[in-house]
Amino acid sequence: MYKIILSALLLFITPAYADVLINIDKTTQQMSVFVDGVQTYDWPVSTGKGQYDTPSGTFTASSMNELWISKQWDNAPMPHSIFFTKEGHAIHATLETSKLGTPASHGCVRLAPENATTLYNLVEANGLETTQVVLSGEIYTEPQEQYSEPQEQHRPPEYDEPGIRSDPDGFEFYGPGFQFQFKFDRKRERRERKRWRRR
């Protein structure tokens, strides 16, 4: 009899924990928080950028820390962290609020400080085991332009013969190293000598 009464009292005393669903859409960079199936919050986030894309899938929150520092990323502060993967991905506050709504992190999910505090308190009150984190969608990556050598409209002047260069329009001009070579007509040279002798 006493056991039945004690069980009934414990039933009334023990608080009922709500199911918390944290739904993150990487395409829109938005987080929607559901409590017992009712959407309660909707916030902009920043997920992983480029090669640091936040993994998609369904996860259960595993641990949480009010004050955390990332040793992997130059002791970057990660206040109100809620970890959801074995690799260390977490939802946490950021001071770079201007980037929220766009991919900008190294894999974590960033929130504005006040929103991260609200979410942290919600998960703390309801428990990690009742908190699910669902990530879906794909981040947009701009296609990289392939580099191509610029094509010249005119070929540069080249040396056709030692010391002589010609430009694309066909003009010839003398360049460094050109040596003038004079060729005399022998007959003309003889006539000039005779003329000088006459004088």
N, C-alpha and C. Protein backbone atom coordinates (compact mmCIF):
# COMPACT_ATOMS: atom_id res chain seq x y z
N MET A 1 0.83 -1.21 0.00
CA MET A 1 0.00 0.00 0.00
C MET A 1 0.86 1.26 0.00
N TYR A 2 1.87 1.24 0.90
CA TYR A 2 2.76 2.39 0.99
C TYR A 2 3.56 2.58 -0.31
N LYS A 3 3.90 1.45 -0.94
CA LYS A 3 4.66 1.52 -2.19
C LYS A 3 3.85 2.17 -3.30
N ILE A 4 2.56 1.88 -3.33
CA ILE A 4 1.68 2.46 -4.34
C ILE A 4 1.56 3.97 -4.14
N ILE A 5 1.40 4.36 -2.87
CA ILE A 5 1.27 5.80 -2.55
C ILE A 5 2.56 6.54 -2.88
N LEU A 6 3.71 5.90 -2.55
CA LEU A 6 5.01 6.52 -2.81
C LEU A 6 5.25 6.68 -4.32
N SER A 7 4.88 5.69 -5.10
CA SER A 7 5.04 5.75 -6.55
C SER A 7 4.18 6.85 -7.16
N ALA A 8 2.94 6.98 -6.60
CA ALA A 8 2.04 8.02 -7.10
C ALA A 8 2.59 9.41 -6.79
N LEU A 9 3.18 9.58 -5.59
CA LEU A 9 3.75 10.86 -5.21
C LEU A 9 4.95 11.22 -6.09
N LEU A 10 5.79 10.22 -6.36
CA LEU A 10 6.95 10.45 -7.21
C LEU A 10 6.54 10.83 -8.63
N LEU A 11 5.42 10.28 -9.06
CA LEU A 11 4.91 10.57 -10.39
C LEU A 11 4.53 12.03 -10.51
N PHE A 12 3.91 12.56 -9.42
CA PHE A 12 3.49 13.97 -9.43
C PHE A 12 4.66 14.91 -9.21
N ILE A 13 5.63 14.45 -8.41
CA ILE A 13 6.77 15.32 -8.08
C ILE A 13 7.75 15.41 -9.25
N THR A 14 7.99 14.27 -9.93
CA THR A 14 8.97 14.24 -11.03
C THR A 14 8.48 15.09 -12.19
N PRO A 15 9.28 16.07 -12.64
CA PRO A 15 8.84 16.92 -13.75
C PRO A 15 8.84 16.15 -15.06
N ALA A 16 7.91 16.50 -15.94
CA ALA A 16 7.83 15.86 -17.25
C ALA A 16 8.75 16.61 -18.21
N TYR A 17 9.74 15.91 -18.78
CA TYR A 17 10.68 16.54 -19.70
C TYR A 17 10.08 16.59 -21.10
N ALA A 18 10.23 17.74 -21.75
CA ALA A 18 9.70 17.91 -23.10
C ALA A 18 10.73 17.45 -24.12
N ASP A 19 10.24 17.02 -25.27
CA ASP A 19 11.13 16.68 -26.38
C ASP A 19 11.52 17.96 -27.11
N VAL A 20 12.82 18.15 -27.28
CA VAL A 20 13.34 19.33 -27.96
C VAL A 20 13.93 18.89 -29.30
N LEU A 21 13.44 19.49 -30.38
CA LEU A 21 13.96 19.22 -31.71
C LEU A 21 14.58 20.49 -32.26
N ILE A 22 15.88 20.41 -32.58
CA ILE A 22 16.61 21.54 -33.17
C ILE A 22 16.82 21.22 -34.64
N ASN A 23 16.06 21.89 -35.48
CA ASN A 23 16.11 21.63 -36.91
C ASN A 23 16.90 22.74 -37.61
N ILE A 24 17.98 22.36 -38.30
CA ILE A 24 18.86 23.34 -38.95
C ILE A 24 18.87 23.09 -40.45
N ASP A 25 18.48 24.11 -41.21
CA ASP A 25 18.48 24.02 -42.68
C ASP A 25 19.70 24.77 -43.20
N LYS A 26 20.66 24.03 -43.74
CA LYS A 26 21.90 24.66 -44.22
C LYS A 26 21.68 25.49 -45.48
N THR A 27 20.64 25.15 -46.24
CA THR A 27 20.36 25.90 -47.47
C THR A 27 19.94 27.33 -47.15
N THR A 28 19.06 27.47 -46.16
CA THR A 28 18.56 28.80 -45.78
C THR A 28 19.32 29.39 -44.60
N GLN A 29 20.20 28.59 -43.97
CA GLN A 29 20.95 29.03 -42.79
C GLN A 29 20.00 29.50 -41.69
N GLN A 30 19.00 28.66 -41.42
CA GLN A 30 18.00 28.96 -40.38
C GLN A 30 17.87 27.78 -39.42
N MET A 31 17.63 28.10 -38.17
CA MET A 31 17.37 27.10 -37.14
C MET A 31 15.95 27.28 -36.61
N SER A 32 15.22 26.17 -36.57
CA SER A 32 13.88 26.16 -35.99
C SER A 32 13.89 25.23 -34.79
N VAL A 33 13.41 25.70 -33.65
CA VAL A 33 13.40 24.91 -32.42
C VAL A 33 11.96 24.53 -32.09
N PHE A 34 11.72 23.23 -31.94
CA PHE A 34 10.39 22.71 -31.62
C PHE A 34 10.42 22.11 -30.21
N VAL A 35 9.42 22.44 -29.42
CA VAL A 35 9.26 21.88 -28.08
C VAL A 35 7.96 21.10 -28.06
N ASP A 36 8.07 19.78 -27.91
CA ASP A 36 6.91 18.89 -27.97
C ASP A 36 6.11 19.09 -29.27
N GLY A 37 6.81 19.26 -30.36
CA GLY A 37 6.18 19.37 -31.67
C GLY A 37 5.70 20.76 -32.02
N VAL A 38 5.85 21.71 -31.12
CA VAL A 38 5.40 23.09 -31.38
C VAL A 38 6.61 23.96 -31.67
N GLN A 39 6.58 24.66 -32.82
CA GLN A 39 7.70 25.54 -33.15
C GLN A 39 7.71 26.73 -32.21
N THR A 40 8.85 26.87 -31.51
CA THR A 40 8.97 27.90 -30.48
C THR A 40 9.91 29.02 -30.88
N TYR A 41 10.99 28.67 -31.58
CA TYR A 41 11.98 29.67 -31.97
C TYR A 41 12.39 29.48 -33.43
N ASP A 42 12.82 30.58 -34.04
CA ASP A 42 13.32 30.56 -35.41
C ASP A 42 14.44 31.58 -35.50
N TRP A 43 15.68 31.11 -35.70
CA TRP A 43 16.84 31.99 -35.64
C TRP A 43 17.76 31.79 -36.85
N PRO A 44 18.48 32.86 -37.28
CA PRO A 44 19.52 32.69 -38.31
C PRO A 44 20.77 32.06 -37.69
N VAL A 45 21.48 31.27 -38.48
CA VAL A 45 22.69 30.61 -38.00
C VAL A 45 23.80 30.75 -39.04
N SER A 46 24.97 30.29 -38.67
CA SER A 46 26.08 30.13 -39.61
C SER A 46 26.62 28.72 -39.44
N THR A 47 26.53 27.92 -40.50
CA THR A 47 27.09 26.58 -40.45
C THR A 47 28.46 26.59 -41.12
N GLY A 48 29.04 25.41 -41.31
CA GLY A 48 30.38 25.31 -41.87
C GLY A 48 30.47 25.83 -43.28
N LYS A 49 31.63 26.40 -43.60
CA LYS A 49 31.85 26.99 -44.92
C LYS A 49 32.84 26.14 -45.71
N GLY A 50 32.54 25.91 -47.00
CA GLY A 50 33.45 25.21 -47.91
C GLY A 50 33.77 23.81 -47.45
N GLN A 51 35.06 23.53 -47.29
CA GLN A 51 35.50 22.19 -46.91
C GLN A 51 35.14 21.86 -45.46
N TYR A 52 34.71 22.85 -44.68
CA TYR A 52 34.33 22.64 -43.29
C TYR A 52 32.82 22.50 -43.12
N ASP A 53 32.14 22.04 -44.15
CA ASP A 53 30.68 21.90 -44.14
C ASP A 53 30.23 21.08 -42.93
N THR A 54 29.22 21.57 -42.22
CA THR A 54 28.65 20.86 -41.07
C THR A 54 27.96 19.60 -41.56
N PRO A 55 28.21 18.45 -40.94
CA PRO A 55 27.62 17.19 -41.43
C PRO A 55 26.10 17.19 -41.32
N SER A 56 25.45 16.61 -42.33
CA SER A 56 24.00 16.47 -42.29
C SER A 56 23.64 15.17 -41.57
N GLY A 57 22.42 15.12 -41.03
CA GLY A 57 21.97 13.91 -40.35
C GLY A 57 21.19 14.23 -39.09
N THR A 58 20.81 13.17 -38.38
CA THR A 58 20.07 13.30 -37.12
C THR A 58 20.98 12.88 -35.98
N PHE A 59 21.13 13.74 -34.99
CA PHE A 59 22.03 13.50 -33.87
C PHE A 59 21.30 13.75 -32.55
N THR A 60 21.83 13.15 -31.50
CA THR A 60 21.34 13.41 -30.15
C THR A 60 22.39 14.23 -29.42
N ALA A 61 21.97 15.29 -28.78
CA ALA A 61 22.91 16.13 -28.03
C ALA A 61 23.64 15.28 -27.00
N SER A 62 24.96 15.40 -26.96
CA SER A 62 25.77 14.51 -26.11
C SER A 62 26.34 15.18 -24.87
N SER A 63 26.70 16.45 -24.99
CA SER A 63 27.24 17.17 -23.83
C SER A 63 27.06 18.66 -24.04
N MET A 64 27.25 19.41 -22.98
CA MET A 64 27.10 20.86 -23.06
C MET A 64 28.03 21.54 -22.06
N ASN A 65 28.53 22.71 -22.46
CA ASN A 65 29.43 23.49 -21.61
C ASN A 65 29.09 24.97 -21.74
N GLU A 66 28.92 25.60 -20.60
CA GLU A 66 28.56 27.02 -20.62
C GLU A 66 29.72 27.88 -21.12
N LEU A 67 30.95 27.50 -20.73
CA LEU A 67 32.15 28.19 -21.19
C LEU A 67 33.09 27.16 -21.81
N TRP A 68 33.41 27.34 -23.07
CA TRP A 68 34.28 26.38 -23.76
C TRP A 68 35.20 27.14 -24.70
N ILE A 69 36.43 26.65 -24.78
CA ILE A 69 37.43 27.25 -25.67
C ILE A 69 37.93 26.18 -26.62
N SER A 70 37.98 26.52 -27.91
CA SER A 70 38.44 25.57 -28.92
C SER A 70 39.96 25.62 -29.04
N LYS A 71 40.61 24.54 -28.64
CA LYS A 71 42.07 24.46 -28.77
C LYS A 71 42.48 24.23 -30.23
N GLN A 72 41.56 23.67 -31.00
CA GLN A 72 41.86 23.39 -32.40
C GLN A 72 41.93 24.67 -33.23
N TRP A 73 41.12 25.69 -32.85
CA TRP A 73 41.05 26.93 -33.63
C TRP A 73 41.51 28.13 -32.80
N ASP A 74 42.77 28.09 -32.41
CA ASP A 74 43.44 29.23 -31.74
C ASP A 74 42.69 29.73 -30.51
N ASN A 75 42.24 28.78 -29.70
CA ASN A 75 41.55 29.12 -28.44
C ASN A 75 40.34 30.04 -28.66
N ALA A 76 39.62 29.78 -29.74
CA ALA A 76 38.42 30.58 -30.03
C ALA A 76 37.34 30.29 -28.99
N PRO A 77 36.69 31.33 -28.46
CA PRO A 77 35.64 31.11 -27.46
C PRO A 77 34.39 30.50 -28.07
N MET A 78 33.79 29.53 -27.36
CA MET A 78 32.55 28.87 -27.80
C MET A 78 31.57 28.84 -26.63
N PRO A 79 31.06 29.99 -26.21
CA PRO A 79 30.15 30.01 -25.06
C PRO A 79 28.83 29.31 -25.35
N HIS A 80 28.26 28.69 -24.31
CA HIS A 80 26.97 27.99 -24.38
C HIS A 80 26.98 26.93 -25.50
N SER A 81 27.97 26.05 -25.42
CA SER A 81 28.13 25.01 -26.43
C SER A 81 27.26 23.79 -26.13
N ILE A 82 26.60 23.30 -27.18
CA ILE A 82 25.83 22.06 -27.11
C ILE A 82 26.42 21.14 -28.17
N PHE A 83 27.17 20.12 -27.74
CA PHE A 83 27.85 19.22 -28.67
C PHE A 83 26.91 18.12 -29.14
N PHE A 84 27.03 17.77 -30.44
CA PHE A 84 26.12 16.75 -30.97
C PHE A 84 26.82 15.71 -31.85
N THR A 85 28.14 15.80 -32.08
CA THR A 85 28.86 14.76 -32.81
C THR A 85 30.12 14.36 -32.04
N LYS A 86 30.64 13.17 -32.36
CA LYS A 86 31.87 12.69 -31.73
C LYS A 86 33.07 13.50 -32.18
N GLU A 87 32.97 14.09 -33.36
CA GLU A 87 34.08 14.89 -33.89
C GLU A 87 34.19 16.26 -33.24
N GLY A 88 33.20 16.64 -32.45
CA GLY A 88 33.27 17.92 -31.74
C GLY A 88 32.43 19.03 -32.32
N HIS A 89 31.51 18.72 -33.25
CA HIS A 89 30.62 19.77 -33.78
C HIS A 89 29.65 20.18 -32.67
N ALA A 90 29.42 21.48 -32.58
CA ALA A 90 28.57 22.01 -31.52
C ALA A 90 27.76 23.20 -32.01
N ILE A 91 26.71 23.48 -31.28
CA ILE A 91 25.94 24.72 -31.45
C ILE A 91 26.44 25.66 -30.36
N HIS A 92 26.86 26.87 -30.73
CA HIS A 92 27.39 27.78 -29.71
C HIS A 92 27.21 29.22 -30.16
N ALA A 93 27.46 30.13 -29.22
CA ALA A 93 27.32 31.56 -29.48
C ALA A 93 28.52 32.08 -30.27
N THR A 94 28.30 33.17 -30.99
CA THR A 94 29.38 33.81 -31.75
C THR A 94 29.26 35.32 -31.62
N LEU A 95 30.39 35.98 -31.72
CA LEU A 95 30.41 37.45 -31.73
C LEU A 95 30.31 37.99 -33.16
N GLU A 96 30.52 37.11 -34.15
CA GLU A 96 30.44 37.52 -35.55
C GLU A 96 28.99 37.44 -36.04
N THR A 97 28.15 38.25 -35.42
CA THR A 97 26.72 38.22 -35.72
C THR A 97 26.40 38.75 -37.12
N SER A 98 27.31 39.55 -37.68
CA SER A 98 27.06 40.10 -39.02
C SER A 98 27.08 39.01 -40.09
N LYS A 99 27.72 37.87 -39.80
CA LYS A 99 27.80 36.77 -40.76
C LYS A 99 26.67 35.76 -40.62
N LEU A 100 25.83 35.92 -39.61
CA LEU A 100 24.72 34.99 -39.42
C LEU A 100 23.79 35.04 -40.63
N GLY A 101 23.33 33.88 -41.05
CA GLY A 101 22.52 33.78 -42.26
C GLY A 101 23.34 33.34 -43.46
N THR A 102 24.67 33.20 -43.25
CA THR A 102 25.57 32.72 -44.31
C THR A 102 26.53 31.70 -43.71
N PRO A 103 27.01 30.73 -44.50
CA PRO A 103 28.01 29.78 -44.01
C PRO A 103 29.30 30.52 -43.66
N ALA A 104 29.82 30.30 -42.44
CA ALA A 104 31.01 31.06 -42.04
C ALA A 104 31.88 30.34 -41.03
N SER A 105 31.46 29.19 -40.51
CA SER A 105 32.21 28.54 -39.43
C SER A 105 33.13 27.46 -39.95
N HIS A 106 33.85 26.82 -39.02
CA HIS A 106 34.71 25.69 -39.34
C HIS A 106 34.00 24.36 -39.09
N GLY A 107 32.68 24.38 -39.09
CA GLY A 107 31.92 23.14 -38.93
C GLY A 107 30.85 23.21 -37.85
N CYS A 108 31.01 24.12 -36.89
CA CYS A 108 30.01 24.28 -35.84
C CYS A 108 28.82 25.09 -36.35
N VAL A 109 27.80 25.15 -35.52
CA VAL A 109 26.60 25.95 -35.83
C VAL A 109 26.63 27.16 -34.91
N ARG A 110 26.74 28.33 -35.50
CA ARG A 110 26.84 29.56 -34.71
C ARG A 110 25.48 30.22 -34.53
N LEU A 111 25.31 30.79 -33.35
CA LEU A 111 24.08 31.51 -33.00
C LEU A 111 24.44 32.86 -32.38
N ALA A 112 23.51 33.79 -32.45
CA ALA A 112 23.68 35.05 -31.72
C ALA A 112 23.74 34.74 -30.23
N PRO A 113 24.53 35.49 -29.45
CA PRO A 113 24.71 35.19 -28.02
C PRO A 113 23.41 35.02 -27.23
N GLU A 114 22.44 35.92 -27.46
CA GLU A 114 21.19 35.82 -26.68
C GLU A 114 20.39 34.58 -27.07
N ASN A 115 20.44 34.19 -28.35
CA ASN A 115 19.73 32.99 -28.79
C ASN A 115 20.42 31.72 -28.30
N ALA A 116 21.75 31.74 -28.28
CA ALA A 116 22.50 30.59 -27.76
C ALA A 116 22.23 30.38 -26.28
N THR A 117 22.09 31.47 -25.54
CA THR A 117 21.78 31.37 -24.11
C THR A 117 20.39 30.77 -23.90
N THR A 118 19.42 31.23 -24.69
CA THR A 118 18.05 30.70 -24.59
C THR A 118 18.01 29.22 -24.90
N LEU A 119 18.69 28.80 -25.97
CA LEU A 119 18.71 27.39 -26.35
C LEU A 119 19.42 26.55 -25.29
N TYR A 120 20.51 27.05 -24.77
CA TYR A 120 21.28 26.33 -23.75
C TYR A 120 20.41 26.07 -22.52
N ASN A 121 19.70 27.10 -22.07
CA ASN A 121 18.83 26.95 -20.89
C ASN A 121 17.69 25.96 -21.17
N LEU A 122 17.17 25.97 -22.40
CA LEU A 122 16.09 25.06 -22.77
C LEU A 122 16.56 23.61 -22.73
N VAL A 123 17.72 23.36 -23.31
CA VAL A 123 18.27 21.99 -23.33
C VAL A 123 18.66 21.55 -21.93
N GLU A 124 19.23 22.46 -21.15
CA GLU A 124 19.61 22.14 -19.77
C GLU A 124 18.40 21.76 -18.93
N ALA A 125 17.28 22.45 -19.15
CA ALA A 125 16.07 22.18 -18.37
C ALA A 125 15.41 20.86 -18.78
N ASN A 126 15.53 20.48 -20.05
CA ASN A 126 14.84 19.29 -20.53
C ASN A 126 15.74 18.06 -20.67
N GLY A 127 17.03 18.24 -20.67
CA GLY A 127 17.96 17.11 -20.71
C GLY A 127 18.50 16.84 -22.11
N LEU A 128 19.74 16.36 -22.14
CA LEU A 128 20.39 16.05 -23.40
C LEU A 128 19.73 14.89 -24.14
N GLU A 129 19.27 13.89 -23.36
CA GLU A 129 18.71 12.69 -23.97
C GLU A 129 17.40 12.94 -24.70
N THR A 130 16.74 14.04 -24.42
CA THR A 130 15.49 14.37 -25.10
C THR A 130 15.67 15.42 -26.19
N THR A 131 16.94 15.78 -26.47
CA THR A 131 17.24 16.82 -27.46
C THR A 131 17.83 16.21 -28.72
N GLN A 132 17.17 16.42 -29.83
CA GLN A 132 17.66 15.95 -31.12
C GLN A 132 18.08 17.13 -31.98
N VAL A 133 19.17 16.93 -32.72
CA VAL A 133 19.67 17.94 -33.64
C VAL A 133 19.61 17.35 -35.05
N VAL A 134 18.85 18.00 -35.93
CA VAL A 134 18.69 17.52 -37.30
C VAL A 134 19.23 18.57 -38.25
N LEU A 135 20.18 18.16 -39.09
CA LEU A 135 20.74 19.07 -40.10
C LEU A 135 20.42 18.55 -41.49
N SER A 136 19.94 19.44 -42.33
CA SER A 136 19.58 19.06 -43.70
C SER A 136 19.97 20.19 -44.65
N GLY A 137 19.84 19.90 -45.96
CA GLY A 137 20.15 20.91 -46.97
C GLY A 137 21.62 20.93 -47.33
N GLU A 138 21.94 21.72 -48.31
CA GLU A 138 23.31 21.85 -48.80
C GLU A 138 23.71 23.31 -48.81
N ILE A 139 24.97 23.56 -48.52
CA ILE A 139 25.46 24.94 -48.59
C ILE A 139 25.79 25.26 -50.03
N TYR A 140 25.61 26.53 -50.39
CA TYR A 140 25.90 26.97 -51.75
C TYR A 140 27.37 27.35 -51.84
N THR A 141 28.04 26.78 -52.82
CA THR A 141 29.43 27.13 -53.05
C THR A 141 29.55 27.72 -54.45
N GLU A 142 30.19 28.88 -54.55
CA GLU A 142 30.35 29.54 -55.83
C GLU A 142 31.33 28.75 -56.70
N PRO A 143 30.97 28.54 -57.98
CA PRO A 143 31.89 27.81 -58.87
C PRO A 143 33.18 28.58 -59.07
N GLN A 144 34.29 27.87 -58.97
CA GLN A 144 35.58 28.52 -59.13
C GLN A 144 35.90 28.72 -60.61
N GLU A 145 36.30 29.93 -60.94
CA GLU A 145 36.64 30.24 -62.32
C GLU A 145 38.00 29.63 -62.66
N GLN A 146 38.04 28.97 -63.81
CA GLN A 146 39.29 28.39 -64.24
C GLN A 146 40.18 29.47 -64.86
N TYR A 147 41.41 29.49 -64.39
CA TYR A 147 42.35 30.52 -64.86
C TYR A 147 42.86 30.17 -66.24
N SER A 148 42.85 31.12 -67.12
CA SER A 148 43.38 30.92 -68.46
C SER A 148 44.33 32.06 -68.79
N GLU A 149 45.39 31.74 -69.50
CA GLU A 149 46.38 32.76 -69.87
C GLU A 149 45.75 33.80 -70.78
N PRO A 150 45.95 35.07 -70.52
CA PRO A 150 45.38 36.11 -71.39
C PRO A 150 45.98 36.04 -72.79
N GLN A 151 45.12 36.11 -73.77
CA GLN A 151 45.57 36.05 -75.15
C GLN A 151 45.91 37.46 -75.64
N GLU A 152 47.11 37.61 -76.20
CA GLU A 152 47.54 38.91 -76.69
C GLU A 152 46.97 39.16 -78.08
N GLN A 153 46.52 40.38 -78.30
CA GLN A 153 45.96 40.72 -79.60
C GLN A 153 47.04 40.78 -80.68
N HIS A 154 48.23 41.23 -80.30
CA HIS A 154 49.35 41.31 -81.24
C HIS A 154 50.53 40.58 -80.64
N ARG A 155 51.22 39.84 -81.49
CA ARG A 155 52.41 39.17 -80.99
C ARG A 155 53.50 40.21 -80.74
N PRO A 156 54.34 39.99 -79.74
CA PRO A 156 55.40 40.96 -79.43
C PRO A 156 56.45 40.98 -80.52
N PRO A 157 57.18 42.08 -80.65
CA PRO A 157 58.24 42.14 -81.66
C PRO A 157 59.25 41.03 -81.45
N GLU A 158 59.68 40.42 -82.53
CA GLU A 158 60.65 39.34 -82.44
C GLU A 158 61.84 39.67 -83.34
N TYR A 159 62.96 39.09 -83.00
CA TYR A 159 64.15 39.26 -83.81
C TYR A 159 64.10 38.26 -84.96
N ASP A 160 63.90 38.78 -86.18
CA ASP A 160 63.90 37.90 -87.35
C ASP A 160 65.34 37.58 -87.76
N GLU A 161 66.21 38.55 -87.62
CA GLU A 161 67.63 38.38 -87.88
C GLU A 161 68.37 38.98 -86.70
N PRO A 162 69.60 38.58 -86.50
CA PRO A 162 70.35 39.15 -85.37
C PRO A 162 70.37 40.66 -85.41
N GLY A 163 69.82 41.27 -84.40
CA GLY A 163 69.85 42.72 -84.29
C GLY A 163 68.70 43.42 -84.97
N ILE A 164 67.87 42.72 -85.78
CA ILE A 164 66.77 43.37 -86.48
C ILE A 164 65.46 42.82 -85.94
N ARG A 165 64.56 43.70 -85.57
CA ARG A 165 63.26 43.27 -85.07
C ARG A 165 62.17 43.81 -85.99
N SER A 166 61.10 43.05 -86.12
CA SER A 166 59.96 43.51 -86.91
C SER A 166 58.71 43.44 -86.07
N ASP A 167 57.88 44.49 -86.10
CA ASP A 167 56.66 44.50 -85.31
C ASP A 167 55.52 43.89 -86.13
N PRO A 168 54.32 43.67 -85.50
CA PRO A 168 53.21 43.02 -86.21
C PRO A 168 52.78 43.73 -87.48
N ASP A 169 53.04 45.04 -87.59
CA ASP A 169 52.61 45.78 -88.78
C ASP A 169 53.62 45.70 -89.92
N GLY A 170 54.72 45.02 -89.71
CA GLY A 170 55.67 44.80 -90.78
C GLY A 170 56.82 45.78 -90.84
N PHE A 171 56.88 46.76 -89.92
CA PHE A 171 57.96 47.73 -89.94
C PHE A 171 59.21 47.11 -89.33
N GLU A 172 60.33 47.42 -89.91
CA GLU A 172 61.59 46.92 -89.39
C GLU A 172 62.35 48.05 -88.73
N PHE A 173 62.97 47.75 -87.64
CA PHE A 173 63.80 48.73 -86.98
C PHE A 173 64.96 48.00 -86.33
N TYR A 174 66.00 48.79 -86.02
CA TYR A 174 67.22 48.19 -85.51
C TYR A 174 67.16 48.10 -83.99
N GLY A 175 67.58 46.96 -83.51
CA GLY A 175 67.60 46.75 -82.08
C GLY A 175 69.01 46.61 -81.57
N PRO A 176 69.16 46.32 -80.28
CA PRO A 176 70.50 46.18 -79.69
C PRO A 176 71.26 45.03 -80.35
N GLY A 177 72.53 45.24 -80.53
CA GLY A 177 73.36 44.18 -81.07
C GLY A 177 73.46 44.18 -82.59
N PHE A 178 72.75 45.11 -83.23
CA PHE A 178 72.81 45.14 -84.70
C PHE A 178 74.15 45.72 -85.14
N GLN A 179 74.77 45.08 -86.09
CA GLN A 179 76.04 45.54 -86.61
C GLN A 179 75.88 45.90 -88.10
N PHE A 180 76.19 47.16 -88.41
CA PHE A 180 76.08 47.59 -89.81
C PHE A 180 77.21 46.97 -90.64
N GLN A 181 76.85 46.46 -91.76
CA GLN A 181 77.83 45.88 -92.66
C GLN A 181 77.76 46.61 -94.01
N PHE A 182 78.87 47.32 -94.35
CA PHE A 182 78.90 48.07 -95.60
C PHE A 182 79.58 47.22 -96.68
N LYS A 183 78.94 47.14 -97.80
CA LYS A 183 79.52 46.42 -98.93
C LYS A 183 79.78 47.44 -100.06
N PHE A 184 81.05 47.59 -100.45
CA PHE A 184 81.41 48.57 -101.49
C PHE A 184 81.49 47.90 -102.86
N ASP A 185 81.04 48.64 -103.78
CA ASP A 185 81.20 48.19 -105.16
C ASP A 185 82.65 48.47 -105.58
N ARG A 186 83.37 47.39 -105.98
CA ARG A 186 84.79 47.56 -106.31
C ARG A 186 85.01 48.55 -107.45
N LYS A 187 84.15 48.52 -108.45
CA LYS A 187 84.29 49.43 -109.60
C LYS A 187 84.10 50.87 -109.16
N ARG A 188 83.13 51.07 -108.27
CA ARG A 188 82.86 52.43 -107.79
C ARG A 188 84.05 52.93 -106.99
N GLU A 189 84.67 52.04 -106.22
CA GLU A 189 85.82 52.41 -105.42
C GLU A 189 86.99 52.83 -106.31
N ARG A 190 87.17 52.11 -107.45
CA ARG A 190 88.26 52.44 -108.38
C ARG A 190 88.02 53.80 -109.04
N ARG A 191 86.75 54.05 -109.43
CA ARG A 191 86.43 55.34 -110.07
C ARG A 191 86.71 56.50 -109.13
N GLU A 192 86.37 56.28 -107.84
CA GLU A 192 86.59 57.34 -106.87
C GLU A 192 88.07 57.61 -106.68
N ARG A 193 88.87 56.55 -106.73
CA ARG A 193 90.34 56.73 -106.59
C ARG A 193 90.91 57.49 -107.78
N LYS A 194 90.47 57.14 -109.01
CA LYS A 194 90.94 57.85 -110.19
C LYS A 194 90.57 59.31 -110.15
N ARG A 195 89.36 59.60 -109.67
CA ARG A 195 88.89 61.00 -109.58
C ARG A 195 89.79 61.79 -108.64
N TRP A 196 90.18 61.18 -107.54
CA TRP A 196 91.03 61.86 -106.57
C TRP A 196 92.44 62.07 -107.14
N ARG A 197 92.88 61.15 -107.99
CA ARG A 197 94.19 61.27 -108.58
C ARG A 197 94.25 62.43 -109.56
N ARG A 198 93.18 62.60 -110.29
CA ARG A 198 93.11 63.69 -111.26
C ARG A 198 93.22 65.05 -110.57
N ARG A 199 92.68 65.11 -109.37
CA ARG A 199 92.75 66.37 -108.66
C ARG A 199 94.15 66.60 -108.15
